[in-house]
């Protein structure tokens, strides 16, 4: 039940052909080996890239998972946007910091 566990699983799916075979052959058995919340498990089982993004999954890992699912680039990008619209802002990880950033005093937004 952690972002680390979700990302570890997705990383292994992206890098290990044996894990991918197990994911295709018996997804439930593979996912049983990971300590996932119901929401995390459902997002992975359903290929919900938008929800995984909102959970805070790293974009590099998520991009490869989307490709593994057969999602073209534009579908992947739209899934992340739809995830934020449907589930709210990114909850954890690197991308969660972006919503709270403010430019340094005396600079315009987006410029330093």
PDB file of N, CA and C in Angstrom:
ATOM      1  N   UNK A   1       0.828  -1.187   0.000  1.00  0.00           N
ATOM      2  CA  UNK A   1       0.000   0.000   0.000  1.00  0.00           C
ATOM      3  C   UNK A   1       0.873   1.251   0.000  1.00  0.00           C
ATOM      4  N   UNK A   2       1.737   1.316  -0.973  1.00  0.00           N
ATOM      5  CA  UNK A   2       2.586   2.496  -1.051  1.00  0.00           C
ATOM      6  C   UNK A   2       2.909   2.793  -2.500  1.00  0.00           C
ATOM      7  N   UNK A   3       3.232   4.029  -2.726  1.00  0.00           N
ATOM      8  CA  UNK A   3       3.656   4.439  -4.065  1.00  0.00           C
ATOM      9  C   UNK A   3       4.871   3.627  -4.503  1.00  0.00           C
ATOM     10  N   UNK A   4       5.777   3.373  -3.569  1.00  0.00           N
ATOM     11  CA  UNK A   4       6.967   2.584  -3.897  1.00  0.00           C
ATOM     12  C   UNK A   4       6.581   1.208  -4.440  1.00  0.00           C
ATOM     13  N   UNK A   5       5.632   0.539  -3.794  1.00  0.00           N
ATOM     14  CA  UNK A   5       5.230  -0.806  -4.208  1.00  0.00           C
ATOM     15  C   UNK A   5       4.601  -0.787  -5.599  1.00  0.00           C
ATOM     16  N   UNK A   6       3.750   0.181  -5.853  1.00  0.00           N
ATOM     17  CA  UNK A   6       3.118   0.302  -7.172  1.00  0.00           C
ATOM     18  C   UNK A   6       4.188   0.528  -8.234  1.00  0.00           C
ATOM     19  N   UNK A   7       5.101   1.449  -7.961  1.00  0.00           N
ATOM     20  CA  UNK A   7       6.143   1.753  -8.935  1.00  0.00           C
ATOM     21  C   UNK A   7       7.091   0.565  -9.134  1.00  0.00           C
ATOM     22  N   UNK A   8       7.377  -0.169  -8.067  1.00  0.00           N
ATOM     23  CA  UNK A   8       8.227  -1.350  -8.185  1.00  0.00           C
ATOM     24  C   UNK A   8       7.587  -2.377  -9.108  1.00  0.00           C
ATOM     25  N   UNK A   9       6.295  -2.630  -8.917  1.00  0.00           N
ATOM     26  CA  UNK A   9       5.587  -3.576  -9.773  1.00  0.00           C
ATOM     27  C   UNK A   9       5.600  -3.115 -11.230  1.00  0.00           C
ATOM     28  N   UNK A  10       5.260  -1.855 -11.465  1.00  0.00           N
ATOM     29  CA  UNK A  10       5.230  -1.353 -12.840  1.00  0.00           C
ATOM     30  C   UNK A  10       6.621  -1.368 -13.461  1.00  0.00           C
ATOM     31  N   UNK A  11       7.641  -1.051 -12.681  1.00  0.00           N
ATOM     32  CA  UNK A  11       9.012  -1.108 -13.178  1.00  0.00           C
ATOM     33  C   UNK A  11       9.352  -2.539 -13.601  1.00  0.00           C
ATOM     34  N   UNK A  12       8.997  -3.501 -12.758  1.00  0.00           N
ATOM     35  CA  UNK A  12       9.281  -4.894 -13.086  1.00  0.00           C
ATOM     36  C   UNK A  12       8.507  -5.338 -14.332  1.00  0.00           C
ATOM     37  N   UNK A  13       7.283  -4.879 -14.467  1.00  0.00           N
ATOM     38  CA  UNK A  13       6.523  -5.178 -15.692  1.00  0.00           C
ATOM     39  C   UNK A  13       7.220  -4.614 -16.920  1.00  0.00           C
ATOM     40  N   UNK A  14       7.780  -3.437 -16.770  1.00  0.00           N
ATOM     41  CA  UNK A  14       8.445  -2.774 -17.887  1.00  0.00           C
ATOM     42  C   UNK A  14       9.772  -3.431 -18.253  1.00  0.00           C
ATOM     43  N   UNK A  15      10.438  -4.056 -17.290  1.00  0.00           N
ATOM     44  CA  UNK A  15      11.810  -4.531 -17.492  1.00  0.00           C
ATOM     45  C   UNK A  15      11.980  -6.046 -17.556  1.00  0.00           C
ATOM     46  N   UNK A  16      11.031  -6.794 -17.028  1.00  0.00           N
ATOM     47  CA  UNK A  16      11.230  -8.231 -16.869  1.00  0.00           C
ATOM     48  C   UNK A  16      10.191  -9.010 -17.673  1.00  0.00           C
ATOM     49  N   UNK A  17      10.653  -9.684 -18.706  1.00  0.00           N
ATOM     50  CA  UNK A  17       9.738 -10.437 -19.579  1.00  0.00           C
ATOM     51  C   UNK A  17       8.982 -11.517 -18.811  1.00  0.00           C
ATOM     52  N   UNK A  18       9.615 -12.117 -17.811  1.00  0.00           N
ATOM     53  CA  UNK A  18       8.942 -13.135 -17.005  1.00  0.00           C
ATOM     54  C   UNK A  18       7.778 -12.569 -16.214  1.00  0.00           C
ATOM     55  N   UNK A  19       7.962 -11.374 -15.681  1.00  0.00           N
ATOM     56  CA  UNK A  19       6.880 -10.717 -14.939  1.00  0.00           C
ATOM     57  C   UNK A  19       5.744 -10.366 -15.901  1.00  0.00           C
ATOM     58  N   UNK A  20       6.090  -9.888 -17.095  1.00  0.00           N
ATOM     59  CA  UNK A  20       5.054  -9.576 -18.099  1.00  0.00           C
ATOM     60  C   UNK A  20       4.264 -10.818 -18.476  1.00  0.00           C
ATOM     61  N   UNK A  21       4.945 -11.940 -18.648  1.00  0.00           N
ATOM     62  CA  UNK A  21       4.246 -13.189 -18.984  1.00  0.00           C
ATOM     63  C   UNK A  21       3.281 -13.576 -17.870  1.00  0.00           C
ATOM     64  N   UNK A  22       3.733 -13.456 -16.640  1.00  0.00           N
ATOM     65  CA  UNK A  22       2.866 -13.777 -15.502  1.00  0.00           C
ATOM     66  C   UNK A  22       1.685 -12.810 -15.421  1.00  0.00           C
ATOM     67  N   UNK A  23       1.918 -11.551 -15.735  1.00  0.00           N
ATOM     68  CA  UNK A  23       0.859 -10.539 -15.734  1.00  0.00           C
ATOM     69  C   UNK A  23      -0.212 -10.894 -16.764  1.00  0.00           C
ATOM     70  N   UNK A  24       0.223 -11.353 -17.923  1.00  0.00           N
ATOM     71  CA  UNK A  24      -0.708 -11.745 -18.977  1.00  0.00           C
ATOM     72  C   UNK A  24      -1.416 -13.059 -18.666  1.00  0.00           C
ATOM     73  N   UNK A  25      -0.689 -14.000 -18.081  1.00  0.00           N
ATOM     74  CA  UNK A  25      -1.237 -15.339 -17.852  1.00  0.00           C
ATOM     75  C   UNK A  25      -2.143 -15.412 -16.622  1.00  0.00           C
ATOM     76  N   UNK A  26      -1.725 -14.784 -15.524  1.00  0.00           N
ATOM     77  CA  UNK A  26      -2.495 -14.849 -14.275  1.00  0.00           C
ATOM     78  C   UNK A  26      -2.244 -13.584 -13.467  1.00  0.00           C
ATOM     79  N   UNK A  27      -2.843 -12.517 -13.927  1.00  0.00           N
ATOM     80  CA  UNK A  27      -2.651 -11.195 -13.337  1.00  0.00           C
ATOM     81  C   UNK A  27      -2.953 -11.203 -11.840  1.00  0.00           C
ATOM     82  N   UNK A  28      -4.056 -11.852 -11.443  1.00  0.00           N
ATOM     83  CA  UNK A  28      -4.463 -11.861 -10.031  1.00  0.00           C
ATOM     84  C   UNK A  28      -3.386 -12.482  -9.148  1.00  0.00           C
ATOM     85  N   UNK A  29      -2.813 -13.600  -9.584  1.00  0.00           N
ATOM     86  CA  UNK A  29      -1.775 -14.268  -8.792  1.00  0.00           C
ATOM     87  C   UNK A  29      -0.542 -13.385  -8.652  1.00  0.00           C
ATOM     88  N   UNK A  30      -0.149 -12.725  -9.724  1.00  0.00           N
ATOM     89  CA  UNK A  30       1.006 -11.828  -9.660  1.00  0.00           C
ATOM     90  C   UNK A  30       0.728 -10.673  -8.701  1.00  0.00           C
ATOM     91  N   UNK A  31      -0.425 -10.050  -8.821  1.00  0.00           N
ATOM     92  CA  UNK A  31      -0.738  -8.900  -7.976  1.00  0.00           C
ATOM     93  C   UNK A  31      -0.880  -9.291  -6.507  1.00  0.00           C
ATOM     94  N   UNK A  32      -1.254 -10.546  -6.251  1.00  0.00           N
ATOM     95  CA  UNK A  32      -1.341 -11.025  -4.866  1.00  0.00           C
ATOM     96  C   UNK A  32       0.010 -10.969  -4.160  1.00  0.00           C
ATOM     97  N   UNK A  33       1.092 -10.973  -4.908  1.00  0.00           N
ATOM     98  CA  UNK A  33       2.437 -10.954  -4.328  1.00  0.00           C
ATOM     99  C   UNK A  33       2.863  -9.556  -3.865  1.00  0.00           C
ATOM    100  N   UNK A  34       2.073  -8.555  -4.181  1.00  0.00           N
ATOM    101  CA  UNK A  34       2.403  -7.173  -3.837  1.00  0.00           C
ATOM    102  C   UNK A  34       1.388  -6.644  -2.830  1.00  0.00           C
ATOM    103  N   UNK A  35       1.859  -5.860  -1.888  1.00  0.00           N
ATOM    104  CA  UNK A  35       0.990  -5.274  -0.872  1.00  0.00           C
ATOM    105  C   UNK A  35       0.338  -4.020  -1.457  1.00  0.00           C
ATOM    106  N   UNK A  36      -0.776  -4.219  -2.167  1.00  0.00           N
ATOM    107  CA  UNK A  36      -1.478  -3.135  -2.854  1.00  0.00           C
ATOM    108  C   UNK A  36      -2.814  -2.873  -2.182  1.00  0.00           C
ATOM    109  N   UNK A  37      -3.208  -1.605  -2.148  1.00  0.00           N
ATOM    110  CA  UNK A  37      -4.550  -1.273  -1.690  1.00  0.00           C
ATOM    111  C   UNK A  37      -5.540  -1.691  -2.777  1.00  0.00           C
ATOM    112  N   UNK A  38      -6.800  -1.718  -2.439  1.00  0.00           N
ATOM    113  CA  UNK A  38      -7.816  -2.040  -3.440  1.00  0.00           C
ATOM    114  C   UNK A  38      -7.802  -1.071  -4.602  1.00  0.00           C
ATOM    115  N   UNK A  39      -7.608   0.213  -4.305  1.00  0.00           N
ATOM    116  CA  UNK A  39      -7.565   1.235  -5.354  1.00  0.00           C
ATOM    117  C   UNK A  39      -6.361   1.028  -6.268  1.00  0.00           C
ATOM    118  N   UNK A  40      -5.211   0.737  -5.675  1.00  0.00           N
ATOM    119  CA  UNK A  40      -4.004   0.515  -6.467  1.00  0.00           C
ATOM    120  C   UNK A  40      -4.164  -0.702  -7.366  1.00  0.00           C
ATOM    121  N   UNK A  41      -4.665  -1.761  -6.784  1.00  0.00           N
ATOM    122  CA  UNK A  41      -4.849  -2.998  -7.546  1.00  0.00           C
ATOM    123  C   UNK A  41      -5.822  -2.787  -8.702  1.00  0.00           C
ATOM    124  N   UNK A  42      -6.936  -2.129  -8.429  1.00  0.00           N
ATOM    125  CA  UNK A  42      -7.934  -1.881  -9.473  1.00  0.00           C
ATOM    126  C   UNK A  42      -7.351  -1.021 -10.593  1.00  0.00           C
ATOM    127  N   UNK A  43      -6.546  -0.025 -10.233  1.00  0.00           N
ATOM    128  CA  UNK A  43      -5.935   0.844 -11.247  1.00  0.00           C
ATOM    129  C   UNK A  43      -4.989   0.062 -12.144  1.00  0.00           C
ATOM    130  N   UNK A  44      -4.203  -0.838 -11.547  1.00  0.00           N
ATOM    131  CA  UNK A  44      -3.267  -1.640 -12.335  1.00  0.00           C
ATOM    132  C   UNK A  44      -4.027  -2.659 -13.178  1.00  0.00           C
ATOM    133  N   UNK A  45      -4.970  -3.364 -12.565  1.00  0.00           N
ATOM    134  CA  UNK A  45      -5.749  -4.367 -13.305  1.00  0.00           C
ATOM    135  C   UNK A  45      -6.501  -3.743 -14.470  1.00  0.00           C
ATOM    136  N   UNK A  46      -7.036  -2.551 -14.241  1.00  0.00           N
ATOM    137  CA  UNK A  46      -7.831  -1.894 -15.272  1.00  0.00           C
ATOM    138  C   UNK A  46      -7.038  -1.018 -16.222  1.00  0.00           C
ATOM    139  N   UNK A  47      -5.733  -0.923 -16.023  1.00  0.00           N
ATOM    140  CA  UNK A  47      -4.916  -0.069 -16.889  1.00  0.00           C
ATOM    141  C   UNK A  47      -5.304   1.391 -16.785  1.00  0.00           C
ATOM    142  N   UNK A  48      -5.691   1.840 -15.587  1.00  0.00           N
ATOM    143  CA  UNK A  48      -6.136   3.217 -15.379  1.00  0.00           C
ATOM    144  C   UNK A  48      -4.929   4.131 -15.184  1.00  0.00           C
ATOM    145  N   UNK A  49      -4.344   4.536 -16.283  1.00  0.00           N
ATOM    146  CA  UNK A  49      -3.153   5.376 -16.273  1.00  0.00           C
ATOM    147  C   UNK A  49      -3.423   6.706 -15.572  1.00  0.00           C
ATOM    148  N   UNK A  50      -4.592   7.257 -15.750  1.00  0.00           N
ATOM    149  CA  UNK A  50      -4.931   8.530 -15.108  1.00  0.00           C
ATOM    150  C   UNK A  50      -4.917   8.431 -13.599  1.00  0.00           C
ATOM    151  N   UNK A  51      -5.506   7.392 -13.058  1.00  0.00           N
ATOM    152  CA  UNK A  51      -5.512   7.208 -11.608  1.00  0.00           C
ATOM    153  C   UNK A  51      -4.111   6.918 -11.100  1.00  0.00           C
ATOM    154  N   UNK A  52      -3.355   6.110 -11.802  1.00  0.00           N
ATOM    155  CA  UNK A  52      -1.972   5.838 -11.392  1.00  0.00           C
ATOM    156  C   UNK A  52      -1.148   7.126 -11.371  1.00  0.00           C
ATOM    157  N   UNK A  53      -1.382   7.993 -12.349  1.00  0.00           N
ATOM    158  CA  UNK A  53      -0.700   9.290 -12.381  1.00  0.00           C
ATOM    159  C   UNK A  53      -1.075  10.116 -11.154  1.00  0.00           C
ATOM    160  N   UNK A  54      -2.354  10.179 -10.846  1.00  0.00           N
ATOM    161  CA  UNK A  54      -2.825  10.942  -9.682  1.00  0.00           C
ATOM    162  C   UNK A  54      -2.261  10.356  -8.388  1.00  0.00           C
ATOM    163  N   UNK A  55      -2.081   9.048  -8.340  1.00  0.00           N
ATOM    164  CA  UNK A  55      -1.478   8.411  -7.166  1.00  0.00           C
ATOM    165  C   UNK A  55      -0.020   8.821  -6.997  1.00  0.00           C
ATOM    166  N   UNK A  56       0.599   9.291  -8.087  1.00  0.00           N
ATOM    167  CA  UNK A  56       1.969   9.776  -8.010  1.00  0.00           C
ATOM    168  C   UNK A  56       3.001   8.926  -8.719  1.00  0.00           C
ATOM    169  N   UNK A  57       2.563   7.969  -9.530  1.00  0.00           N
ATOM    170  CA  UNK A  57       3.518   7.117 -10.250  1.00  0.00           C
ATOM    171  C   UNK A  57       4.390   7.982 -11.156  1.00  0.00           C
ATOM    172  N   UNK A  58       5.676   7.712 -11.116  1.00  0.00           N
ATOM    173  CA  UNK A  58       6.647   8.436 -11.922  1.00  0.00           C
ATOM    174  C   UNK A  58       6.298   8.340 -13.409  1.00  0.00           C
ATOM    175  N   UNK A  59       6.384   9.444 -14.108  1.00  0.00           N
ATOM    176  CA  UNK A  59       6.009   9.507 -15.519  1.00  0.00           C
ATOM    177  C   UNK A  59       6.803   8.582 -16.416  1.00  0.00           C
ATOM    178  N   UNK A  60       8.090   8.379 -16.123  1.00  0.00           N
ATOM    179  CA  UNK A  60       8.902   7.473 -16.933  1.00  0.00           C
ATOM    180  C   UNK A  60       8.409   6.033 -16.804  1.00  0.00           C
ATOM    181  N   UNK A  61       8.091   5.638 -15.586  1.00  0.00           N
ATOM    182  CA  UNK A  61       7.568   4.290 -15.354  1.00  0.00           C
ATOM    183  C   UNK A  61       6.184   4.159 -15.978  1.00  0.00           C
ATOM    184  N   UNK A  62       5.365   5.167 -15.774  1.00  0.00           N
ATOM    185  CA  UNK A  62       3.988   5.136 -16.261  1.00  0.00           C
ATOM    186  C   UNK A  62       3.927   5.145 -17.789  1.00  0.00           C
ATOM    187  N   UNK A  63       4.837   5.881 -18.414  1.00  0.00           N
ATOM    188  CA  UNK A  63       4.886   5.942 -19.874  1.00  0.00           C
ATOM    189  C   UNK A  63       5.129   4.555 -20.467  1.00  0.00           C
ATOM    190  N   UNK A  64       6.040   3.805 -19.858  1.00  0.00           N
ATOM    191  CA  UNK A  64       6.334   2.460 -20.356  1.00  0.00           C
ATOM    192  C   UNK A  64       5.179   1.498 -20.082  1.00  0.00           C
ATOM    193  N   UNK A  65       4.507   1.673 -18.950  1.00  0.00           N
ATOM    194  CA  UNK A  65       3.342   0.835 -18.651  1.00  0.00           C
ATOM    195  C   UNK A  65       2.234   1.101 -19.666  1.00  0.00           C
ATOM    196  N   UNK A  66       2.004   2.374 -19.990  1.00  0.00           N
ATOM    197  CA  UNK A  66       0.987   2.725 -20.988  1.00  0.00           C
ATOM    198  C   UNK A  66       1.330   2.085 -22.337  1.00  0.00           C
ATOM    199  N   UNK A  67       2.604   2.114 -22.703  1.00  0.00           N
ATOM    200  CA  UNK A  67       3.025   1.479 -23.958  1.00  0.00           C
ATOM    201  C   UNK A  67       2.799  -0.034 -23.899  1.00  0.00           C
ATOM    202  N   UNK A  68       3.085  -0.639 -22.757  1.00  0.00           N
ATOM    203  CA  UNK A  68       2.838  -2.068 -22.579  1.00  0.00           C
ATOM    204  C   UNK A  68       1.357  -2.395 -22.783  1.00  0.00           C
ATOM    205  N   UNK A  69       0.496  -1.473 -22.366  1.00  0.00           N
ATOM    206  CA  UNK A  69      -0.946  -1.649 -22.545  1.00  0.00           C
ATOM    207  C   UNK A  69      -1.396  -1.368 -23.978  1.00  0.00           C
ATOM    208  N   UNK A  70      -0.474  -0.846 -24.798  1.00  0.00           N
ATOM    209  CA  UNK A  70      -0.803  -0.543 -26.184  1.00  0.00           C
ATOM    210  C   UNK A  70      -1.386   0.838 -26.395  1.00  0.00           C
ATOM    211  N   UNK A  71      -1.213   1.719 -25.416  1.00  0.00           N
ATOM    212  CA  UNK A  71      -1.748   3.071 -25.542  1.00  0.00           C
ATOM    213  C   UNK A  71      -0.790   3.955 -26.339  1.00  0.00           C
ATOM    214  N   UNK A  72      -1.275   4.575 -27.393  1.00  0.00           N
ATOM    215  CA  UNK A  72      -0.450   5.552 -28.113  1.00  0.00           C
ATOM    216  C   UNK A  72      -0.169   6.764 -27.217  1.00  0.00           C
ATOM    217  N   UNK A  73       0.846   7.524 -27.591  1.00  0.00           N
ATOM    218  CA  UNK A  73       1.285   8.673 -26.797  1.00  0.00           C
ATOM    219  C   UNK A  73       0.142   9.626 -26.472  1.00  0.00           C
ATOM    220  N   UNK A  74      -0.676   9.992 -27.451  1.00  0.00           N
ATOM    221  CA  UNK A  74      -1.744  10.965 -27.201  1.00  0.00           C
ATOM    222  C   UNK A  74      -2.792  10.409 -26.232  1.00  0.00           C
ATOM    223  N   UNK A  75      -3.043   9.120 -26.272  1.00  0.00           N
ATOM    224  CA  UNK A  75      -3.984   8.493 -25.336  1.00  0.00           C
ATOM    225  C   UNK A  75      -3.399   8.534 -23.924  1.00  0.00           C
ATOM    226  N   UNK A  76      -2.108   8.267 -23.809  1.00  0.00           N
ATOM    227  CA  UNK A  76      -1.409   8.327 -22.519  1.00  0.00           C
ATOM    228  C   UNK A  76      -1.500   9.728 -21.913  1.00  0.00           C
ATOM    229  N   UNK A  77      -1.186  10.741 -22.696  1.00  0.00           N
ATOM    230  CA  UNK A  77      -1.239  12.128 -22.210  1.00  0.00           C
ATOM    231  C   UNK A  77      -2.665  12.498 -21.804  1.00  0.00           C
ATOM    232  N   UNK A  78      -3.628  12.165 -22.623  1.00  0.00           N
ATOM    233  CA  UNK A  78      -5.028  12.462 -22.292  1.00  0.00           C
ATOM    234  C   UNK A  78      -5.495  11.701 -21.059  1.00  0.00           C
ATOM    235  N   UNK A  79      -5.000  10.494 -20.858  1.00  0.00           N
ATOM    236  CA  UNK A  79      -5.374   9.713 -19.673  1.00  0.00           C
ATOM    237  C   UNK A  79      -4.899  10.409 -18.398  1.00  0.00           C
ATOM    238  N   UNK A  80      -3.717  10.994 -18.429  1.00  0.00           N
ATOM    239  CA  UNK A  80      -3.224  11.720 -17.256  1.00  0.00           C
ATOM    240  C   UNK A  80      -4.089  12.955 -16.987  1.00  0.00           C
ATOM    241  N   UNK A  81      -4.410  13.686 -18.028  1.00  0.00           N
ATOM    242  CA  UNK A  81      -5.277  14.868 -17.858  1.00  0.00           C
ATOM    243  C   UNK A  81      -6.643  14.471 -17.310  1.00  0.00           C
ATOM    244  N   UNK A  82      -7.203  13.398 -17.869  1.00  0.00           N
ATOM    245  CA  UNK A  82      -8.502  12.919 -17.419  1.00  0.00           C
ATOM    246  C   UNK A  82      -8.424  12.423 -15.975  1.00  0.00           C
ATOM    247  N   UNK A  83      -7.306  11.816 -15.609  1.00  0.00           N
ATOM    248  CA  UNK A  83      -7.122  11.366 -14.230  1.00  0.00           C
ATOM    249  C   UNK A  83      -7.193  12.515 -13.250  1.00  0.00           C
ATOM    250  N   UNK A  84      -6.556  13.626 -13.567  1.00  0.00           N
ATOM    251  CA  UNK A  84      -6.592  14.802 -12.699  1.00  0.00           C
ATOM    252  C   UNK A  84      -8.004  15.373 -12.654  1.00  0.00           C
ATOM    253  N   UNK A  85      -8.671  15.412 -13.795  1.00  0.00           N
ATOM    254  CA  UNK A  85     -10.036  15.933 -13.822  1.00  0.00           C
ATOM    255  C   UNK A  85     -10.967  15.061 -12.979  1.00  0.00           C
ATOM    256  N   UNK A  86     -10.801  13.759 -13.089  1.00  0.00           N
ATOM    257  CA  UNK A  86     -11.708  12.820 -12.418  1.00  0.00           C
ATOM    258  C   UNK A  86     -11.353  12.595 -10.944  1.00  0.00           C
ATOM    259  N   UNK A  87     -10.055  12.508 -10.637  1.00  0.00           N
ATOM    260  CA  UNK A  87      -9.625  12.101  -9.296  1.00  0.00           C
ATOM    261  C   UNK A  87      -8.970  13.219  -8.480  1.00  0.00           C
ATOM    262  N   UNK A  88      -8.784  14.383  -9.073  1.00  0.00           N
ATOM    263  CA  UNK A  88      -8.172  15.494  -8.345  1.00  0.00           C
ATOM    264  C   UNK A  88      -6.670  15.573  -8.594  1.00  0.00           C
ATOM    265  N   UNK A  89      -6.009  16.469  -7.870  1.00  0.00           N
ATOM    266  CA  UNK A  89      -4.574  16.683  -8.096  1.00  0.00           C
ATOM    267  C   UNK A  89      -3.738  15.465  -7.700  1.00  0.00           C
ATOM    268  N   UNK A  90      -2.533  15.441  -8.213  1.00  0.00           N
ATOM    269  CA  UNK A  90      -1.595  14.375  -7.900  1.00  0.00           C
ATOM    270  C   UNK A  90      -1.378  14.353  -6.389  1.00  0.00           C
ATOM    271  N   UNK A  91      -1.488  13.161  -5.809  1.00  0.00           N
ATOM    272  CA  UNK A  91      -1.485  13.001  -4.353  1.00  0.00           C
ATOM    273  C   UNK A  91      -0.098  12.860  -3.740  1.00  0.00           C
ATOM    274  N   UNK A  92       0.842  12.292  -4.461  1.00  0.00           N
ATOM    275  CA  UNK A  92       2.154  11.981  -3.889  1.00  0.00           C
ATOM    276  C   UNK A  92       3.203  12.024  -4.986  1.00  0.00           C
ATOM    277  N   UNK A  93       4.455  11.916  -4.579  1.00  0.00           N
ATOM    278  CA  UNK A  93       5.533  11.847  -5.548  1.00  0.00           C
ATOM    279  C   UNK A  93       5.957  13.199  -6.069  1.00  0.00           C
ATOM    280  N   UNK A  94       6.813  13.163  -7.047  1.00  0.00           N
ATOM    281  CA  UNK A  94       7.421  14.354  -7.624  1.00  0.00           C
ATOM    282  C   UNK A  94       6.386  15.355  -8.126  1.00  0.00           C
ATOM    283  N   UNK A  95       5.383  14.883  -8.837  1.00  0.00           N
ATOM    284  CA  UNK A  95       4.439  15.788  -9.479  1.00  0.00           C
ATOM    285  C   UNK A  95       3.528  16.494  -8.489  1.00  0.00           C
ATOM    286  N   UNK A  96       3.380  15.950  -7.294  1.00  0.00           N
ATOM    287  CA  UNK A  96       2.547  16.604  -6.290  1.00  0.00           C
ATOM    288  C   UNK A  96       3.169  17.915  -5.840  1.00  0.00           C
ATOM    289  N   UNK A  97       4.480  18.039  -5.928  1.00  0.00           N
ATOM    290  CA  UNK A  97       5.157  19.261  -5.511  1.00  0.00           C
ATOM    291  C   UNK A  97       4.878  20.414  -6.452  1.00  0.00           C
ATOM    292  N   UNK A  98       4.599  20.130  -7.689  1.00  0.00           N
ATOM    293  CA  UNK A  98       4.435  21.189  -8.678  1.00  0.00           C
ATOM    294  C   UNK A  98       3.244  22.084  -8.386  1.00  0.00           C
ATOM    295  N   UNK A  99       2.182  21.559  -7.826  1.00  0.00           N
ATOM    296  CA  UNK A  99       0.982  22.353  -7.585  1.00  0.00           C
ATOM    297  C   UNK A  99       1.192  23.392  -6.488  1.00  0.00           C
ATOM    298  N   UNK A 100       2.187  23.175  -5.616  1.00  0.00           N
ATOM    299  CA  UNK A 100       2.412  24.076  -4.493  1.00  0.00           C
ATOM    300  C   UNK A 100       3.566  25.043  -4.714  1.00  0.00           C
ATOM    301  N   UNK A 101       4.175  24.996  -5.875  1.00  0.00           N
ATOM    302  CA  UNK A 101       5.331  25.852  -6.124  1.00  0.00           C
ATOM    303  C   UNK A 101       4.896  27.280  -6.405  1.00  0.00           C
ATOM    304  N   UNK A 102       5.666  28.189  -5.897  1.00  0.00           N
ATOM    305  CA  UNK A 102       5.451  29.610  -6.158  1.00  0.00           C
ATOM    306  C   UNK A 102       6.764  30.188  -6.662  1.00  0.00           C
ATOM    307  N   UNK A 103       6.709  31.089  -7.649  1.00  0.00           N
ATOM    308  CA  UNK A 103       7.966  31.669  -8.152  1.00  0.00           C
ATOM    309  C   UNK A 103       8.626  32.515  -7.065  1.00  0.00           C
ATOM    310  N   UNK A 104       9.948  32.607  -7.088  1.00  0.00           N
ATOM    311  CA  UNK A 104      10.647  33.459  -6.123  1.00  0.00           C
ATOM    312  C   UNK A 104      10.169  34.895  -6.232  1.00  0.00           C
ATOM    313  N   UNK A 105      10.213  35.600  -5.147  1.00  0.00           N
ATOM    314  CA  UNK A 105       9.794  36.998  -5.102  1.00  0.00           C
ATOM    315  C   UNK A 105      10.543  37.811  -6.157  1.00  0.00           C
ATOM    316  N   UNK A 106       9.816  38.643  -6.877  1.00  0.00           N
ATOM    317  CA  UNK A 106      10.439  39.504  -7.872  1.00  0.00           C
ATOM    318  C   UNK A 106      10.565  38.889  -9.248  1.00  0.00           C
ATOM    319  N   UNK A 107      10.036  37.697  -9.450  1.00  0.00           N
ATOM    320  CA  UNK A 107      10.089  37.082 -10.781  1.00  0.00           C
ATOM    321  C   UNK A 107       8.674  36.814 -11.259  1.00  0.00           C
ATOM    322  N   UNK A 108       8.564  36.713 -12.552  1.00  0.00           N
ATOM    323  CA  UNK A 108       7.247  36.387 -13.100  1.00  0.00           C
ATOM    324  C   UNK A 108       7.052  34.881 -13.047  1.00  0.00           C
ATOM    325  N   UNK A 109       5.823  34.446 -13.069  1.00  0.00           N
ATOM    326  CA  UNK A 109       5.498  33.020 -12.990  1.00  0.00           C
ATOM    327  C   UNK A 109       6.187  32.258 -14.117  1.00  0.00           C
ATOM    328  N   UNK A 110       6.853  31.151 -13.721  1.00  0.00           N
ATOM    329  CA  UNK A 110       7.489  30.312 -14.708  1.00  0.00           C
ATOM    330  C   UNK A 110       8.883  30.778 -15.108  1.00  0.00           C
ATOM    331  N   UNK A 111       9.342  31.894 -14.600  1.00  0.00           N
ATOM    332  CA  UNK A 111      10.678  32.395 -14.950  1.00  0.00           C
ATOM    333  C   UNK A 111      11.459  32.636 -13.678  1.00  0.00           C
ATOM    334  N   UNK A 112      12.727  32.418 -13.750  1.00  0.00           N
ATOM    335  CA  UNK A 112      13.594  32.690 -12.585  1.00  0.00           C
ATOM    336  C   UNK A 112      14.663  33.643 -12.948  1.00  0.00           C
TER     337      UNK A 112
END
